[in-house]
C-alpha cells in the first residue's frame, strides 16, 4: 500500500437485483459494508427491482414476512415457494433474446433453482455474482458478522474507525442525512456519489444482458463517474 494512500469505505443495505448506482459505489471504495443488521423497510428495493420486457418496466418482488416493524434485514424470511420460478421465467422473457443472455444463463439458473429461506442470503448471493461479473476487487463485509451499533451517522463512522478508512462515500441521497460535522470531528472525509445511470435505473441484469462483457469489466476499472 502506498504511503499516502487513503482507504475508502462505503455501505448500503443488501438489495435485490440492484441498480448500477449501487455497483458503482462498491467499485469506488476499498471496503463495502453490506448493512444486513439494520431495519427492514417495506416496499424498499431490498426485496424488489425493475427489469424491462420490451418497452415496459416490470417490477420483480420477493414475497417476504414482515409482521414485525422492527425486524432487521437479516431476519426477514421469504414467504412463498414458487416466487423464484415466476422471476426466472420473467427474466427469460425479458432477456433470452438479448445478445449476452447465454453468458449468464447458467449462473442465474443456479441462483433461482435454490430454495431460499432468508432474503439476505439471496441478496448476498446476487451481490457476489455481481462481484464476479464486473471483476470487482473491493472487499465486501457482512455487517451482522460484527457488533456495530448507533444511528445512521454513528454507525457509518464506526465502520470507518473499525476498518481504518479515512474517506466515506455516500449515495446522492446521503445529503439528506449526512452529519458532516461528525465526520469532520472524526477526521473522515466524505464524498457524495454523482452517478448517471445508463439504463433507466433498472436492475443490473438489463445492463449485463445488452453490453459486451468487456464493458462490464471496464465499468469496474474505469471509475469514471464523479465521486
Protein backbone atom coordinates (compact mmCIF):
# COMPACT_ATOMS: atom_id res chain seq x y z
CA UNK A 1 0.00 0.00 0.00
CA UNK A 2 1.29 3.46 -0.91
CA UNK A 3 2.46 5.67 1.96
CA UNK A 4 -0.18 8.39 1.38
CA UNK A 5 -2.97 6.02 0.38
CA UNK A 6 -6.37 6.83 1.92
CA UNK A 7 -8.64 3.84 2.48
CA UNK A 8 -12.18 4.44 1.20
CA UNK A 9 -15.31 2.82 2.63
CA UNK A 10 -18.97 2.77 1.67
CA UNK A 11 -22.04 0.86 2.81
CA UNK A 12 -25.59 0.02 1.83
CA UNK A 13 -28.38 -2.38 2.68
CA UNK A 14 -28.32 -5.66 0.68
CA UNK A 15 -30.71 -5.14 -2.24
CA UNK A 16 -32.45 -7.46 -4.67
CA UNK A 17 -31.09 -7.32 -8.24
CA UNK A 18 -29.60 -3.87 -7.54
CA UNK A 19 -29.25 -0.98 -9.96
CA UNK A 20 -25.90 0.11 -11.37
CA UNK A 21 -25.61 3.02 -8.95
CA UNK A 22 -25.02 0.63 -6.06
CA UNK A 23 -22.44 -1.27 -8.09
CA UNK A 24 -20.69 2.00 -8.94
CA UNK A 25 -20.49 2.86 -5.24
CA UNK A 26 -19.00 -0.55 -4.42
CA UNK A 27 -16.42 -0.19 -7.18
CA UNK A 28 -15.25 3.19 -5.95
CA UNK A 29 -14.32 2.05 -2.45
CA UNK A 30 -11.83 -0.36 -0.90
CA UNK A 31 -14.25 -1.81 1.64
CA UNK A 32 -18.00 -2.14 1.23
CA UNK A 33 -20.18 -2.98 4.23
CA UNK A 34 -23.44 -4.79 3.49
CA UNK A 35 -25.76 -3.44 6.19
CA UNK A 36 -27.86 -6.50 6.85
CA UNK A 37 -28.29 -5.67 10.55
CA UNK A 38 -30.42 -2.53 10.10
CA UNK A 39 -34.20 -2.20 9.95
CA UNK A 40 -36.07 -3.65 7.01
CA UNK A 41 -38.33 -1.18 5.21
CA UNK A 42 -41.49 -2.41 3.49
CA UNK A 43 -41.70 -1.64 -0.25
CA UNK A 44 -37.96 -0.87 -0.35
CA UNK A 45 -35.56 -2.08 -3.00
CA UNK A 46 -34.23 -4.64 -0.52
CA UNK A 47 -36.81 -7.07 -1.90
CA UNK A 48 -37.68 -5.69 -5.34
CA UNK A 49 -36.34 -4.18 -8.53
CA UNK A 50 -37.19 -3.48 -12.15
CA UNK A 51 -36.36 -5.31 -15.33
CA UNK A 52 -37.67 -4.43 -18.78
CA UNK A 53 -39.82 -6.55 -21.06
CA UNK A 54 -39.97 -4.92 -24.48
CA UNK A 55 -40.62 -1.27 -23.60
CA UNK A 56 -42.32 -1.87 -20.27
CA UNK A 57 -40.75 -1.79 -16.81
CA UNK A 58 -41.67 -4.87 -14.78
CA UNK A 59 -41.28 -4.90 -11.00
CA UNK A 60 -39.99 -8.16 -9.56
CA UNK A 61 -40.79 -8.50 -5.85
CA UNK A 62 -39.61 -11.23 -3.49
CA UNK A 63 -42.53 -12.02 -1.13
CA UNK A 64 -41.48 -11.75 2.50
CA UNK A 65 -42.89 -11.94 6.01
CA UNK A 66 -42.78 -8.52 7.64
CA UNK A 67 -45.16 -8.59 10.59
CA UNK A 68 -42.56 -7.15 12.95
CA UNK A 69 -41.95 -3.49 12.09
CA UNK A 70 -38.60 -3.53 13.90
CA UNK A 71 -37.26 -6.59 12.09
CA UNK A 72 -33.74 -6.20 10.70
CA UNK A 73 -32.94 -7.26 7.16
CA UNK A 74 -31.03 -10.42 8.08
CA UNK A 75 -34.12 -11.73 9.91
CA UNK A 76 -36.58 -11.28 7.03
CA UNK A 77 -37.85 -14.58 5.69
CA UNK A 78 -39.15 -15.31 2.21
CA UNK A 79 -42.79 -16.43 2.43
CA UNK A 80 -43.64 -18.21 -0.82
CA UNK A 81 -42.26 -21.29 -2.54
CA UNK A 82 -42.84 -20.55 -6.22
CA UNK A 83 -41.75 -16.90 -6.46
CA UNK A 84 -38.37 -17.93 -7.89
CA UNK A 85 -39.99 -19.77 -10.81
CA UNK A 86 -42.03 -16.68 -11.62
CA UNK A 87 -38.95 -14.46 -11.52
CA UNK A 88 -36.71 -16.67 -13.64
CA UNK A 89 -39.48 -17.00 -16.23
CA UNK A 90 -39.91 -13.23 -16.39
CA UNK A 91 -36.13 -12.76 -16.65
CA UNK A 92 -36.03 -15.23 -19.52
CA UNK A 93 -38.95 -13.48 -21.22
CA UNK A 94 -37.16 -10.17 -20.88
CA UNK A 95 -33.63 -11.18 -21.90
CA UNK A 96 -33.46 -14.61 -23.56
CA UNK A 97 -33.06 -12.90 -26.94
CA UNK A 98 -30.54 -10.37 -25.66
CA UNK A 99 -27.04 -10.75 -27.11
CA UNK A 100 -25.33 -11.85 -23.86
CA UNK A 101 -28.03 -13.82 -22.09
CA UNK A 102 -26.15 -17.06 -22.74
CA UNK A 103 -23.12 -15.75 -20.81
CA UNK A 104 -25.08 -15.62 -17.56
CA UNK A 105 -27.89 -18.12 -18.10
CA UNK A 106 -26.31 -20.95 -16.13
CA UNK A 107 -25.37 -18.87 -13.07
CA UNK A 108 -28.79 -17.19 -12.96
CA UNK A 109 -30.48 -20.56 -13.26
CA UNK A 110 -28.41 -21.85 -10.35
CA UNK A 111 -29.45 -18.92 -8.17
CA UNK A 112 -33.15 -19.29 -8.91
CA UNK A 113 -33.21 -23.06 -8.66
CA UNK A 114 -32.15 -22.93 -5.00
CA UNK A 115 -34.64 -22.78 -2.14
CA UNK A 116 -34.07 -19.53 -0.29
CA UNK A 117 -35.44 -19.05 3.22
CA UNK A 118 -33.80 -15.73 4.03
CA UNK A 119 -33.94 -12.63 1.83
CA UNK A 120 -30.48 -11.57 2.95
CA UNK A 121 -28.86 -14.84 1.82
CA UNK A 122 -30.42 -14.42 -1.62
CA UNK A 123 -29.27 -10.81 -1.93
CA UNK A 124 -25.73 -11.65 -0.86
CA UNK A 125 -25.55 -14.47 -3.42
CA UNK A 126 -26.57 -11.96 -6.09
CA UNK A 127 -24.02 -9.47 -4.75
CA UNK A 128 -21.18 -11.96 -5.14
CA UNK A 129 -22.46 -12.83 -8.62
CA UNK A 130 -22.14 -9.12 -9.45
CA UNK A 131 -18.63 -9.07 -7.97
CA UNK A 132 -17.62 -11.86 -10.36
CA UNK A 133 -19.23 -10.33 -13.47
CA UNK A 134 -17.71 -6.88 -13.01
CA UNK A 135 -14.43 -8.29 -11.62
CA UNK A 136 -14.74 -6.04 -8.58
CA UNK A 137 -11.75 -6.05 -6.22
CA UNK A 138 -13.49 -4.30 -3.33
CA UNK A 139 -13.60 -6.27 -0.07
CA UNK A 140 -17.20 -6.96 0.95
CA UNK A 141 -18.02 -7.12 4.65
CA UNK A 142 -21.27 -8.50 6.10
CA UNK A 143 -22.22 -6.21 8.98
CA UNK A 144 -24.03 -8.83 11.07
CA UNK A 145 -20.74 -10.70 11.48
CA UNK A 146 -19.71 -7.85 13.78
CA UNK A 147 -21.46 -5.90 16.51
CA UNK A 148 -21.84 -2.39 15.11
CA UNK A 149 -24.18 -0.01 16.93
CA UNK A 150 -25.51 3.51 16.61
CA UNK A 151 -27.73 5.62 14.38
CA UNK A 152 -27.01 6.22 10.70
CA UNK A 153 -24.06 8.58 11.10
CA UNK A 154 -22.63 6.93 14.22
CA UNK A 155 -22.76 3.52 12.60
CA UNK A 156 -21.02 4.69 9.42
CA UNK A 157 -18.30 6.37 11.45
CA UNK A 158 -17.96 3.16 13.44
CA UNK A 159 -17.40 1.24 10.19
CA UNK A 160 -14.70 3.69 9.16
CA UNK A 161 -12.97 3.54 12.53
CA UNK A 162 -13.04 -0.25 12.68
CA UNK A 163 -11.64 -0.71 9.16
CA UNK A 164 -9.32 2.32 9.40
CA UNK A 165 -10.93 4.16 6.48
CA UNK A 166 -10.45 7.91 6.19
CA UNK A 167 -12.95 8.56 3.42
CA UNK A 168 -16.64 7.60 3.19
CA UNK A 169 -18.78 7.62 0.03
CA UNK A 170 -22.46 8.46 0.42
CA UNK A 171 -25.06 7.92 -2.24
CA UNK A 172 -26.63 11.03 -3.72
CA UNK A 173 -29.45 10.92 -1.17
CA UNK A 174 -26.91 10.89 1.65
CA UNK A 175 -27.00 14.69 1.60
CA UNK A 176 -30.37 14.44 3.37
CA UNK A 177 -28.95 12.81 6.50
CA UNK A 178 -25.14 13.08 6.48
CA UNK A 179 -23.87 14.91 9.57
CA UNK A 180 -20.76 16.40 8.02
CA UNK A 181 -19.60 17.89 11.33
CA UNK A 182 -19.48 14.45 12.96
CA UNK A 183 -17.39 13.02 10.15
CA UNK A 184 -15.07 16.02 10.28
CA UNK A 185 -14.71 15.60 14.06
CA UNK A 186 -13.58 12.02 13.41
CA UNK A 187 -11.21 13.12 10.62
CA UNK A 188 -13.15 11.27 7.94
CA UNK A 189 -13.55 12.89 4.54
CA UNK A 190 -16.93 12.42 2.89
CA UNK A 191 -17.99 12.46 -0.74
CA UNK A 192 -21.38 12.17 -2.37
CA UNK A 193 -21.96 9.96 -5.37
CA UNK A 194 -22.93 11.66 -8.60
CA UNK A 195 -23.85 8.68 -10.74
CA UNK A 196 -25.67 8.95 -14.06
CA UNK A 197 -27.34 5.63 -14.80
CA UNK A 198 -27.13 4.39 -18.41
CA UNK A 199 -30.16 2.06 -18.22
CA UNK A 200 -33.09 3.98 -16.71
CA UNK A 201 -32.30 2.86 -13.13
CA UNK A 202 -33.21 -0.72 -13.99
CA UNK A 203 -31.62 -3.77 -12.40
CA UNK A 204 -28.02 -4.52 -13.36
CA UNK A 205 -29.44 -7.52 -15.27
CA UNK A 206 -30.67 -5.21 -18.00
CA UNK A 207 -27.16 -3.83 -18.42
CA UNK A 208 -25.17 -7.06 -18.49
CA UNK A 209 -27.54 -8.71 -20.96
CA UNK A 210 -27.05 -5.98 -23.52
CA UNK A 211 -23.38 -4.94 -23.37
CA UNK A 212 -20.12 -6.74 -24.11
CA UNK A 213 -18.59 -8.47 -21.06
CA UNK A 214 -15.59 -6.20 -21.55
CA UNK A 215 -17.84 -3.21 -20.92
CA UNK A 216 -18.75 -4.69 -17.53
CA UNK A 217 -15.09 -5.18 -16.69
CA UNK A 218 -14.25 -1.65 -17.82
CA UNK A 219 -17.15 -0.33 -15.74
CA UNK A 220 -15.24 -1.57 -12.71
CA UNK A 221 -11.80 -0.49 -13.90
CA UNK A 222 -12.70 2.96 -15.13
CA UNK A 223 -14.25 4.53 -12.04
CA UNK A 224 -15.26 7.33 -14.38
CA UNK A 225 -18.27 8.66 -12.50
CA UNK A 226 -17.62 11.71 -10.40
CA UNK A 227 -17.30 10.90 -6.70
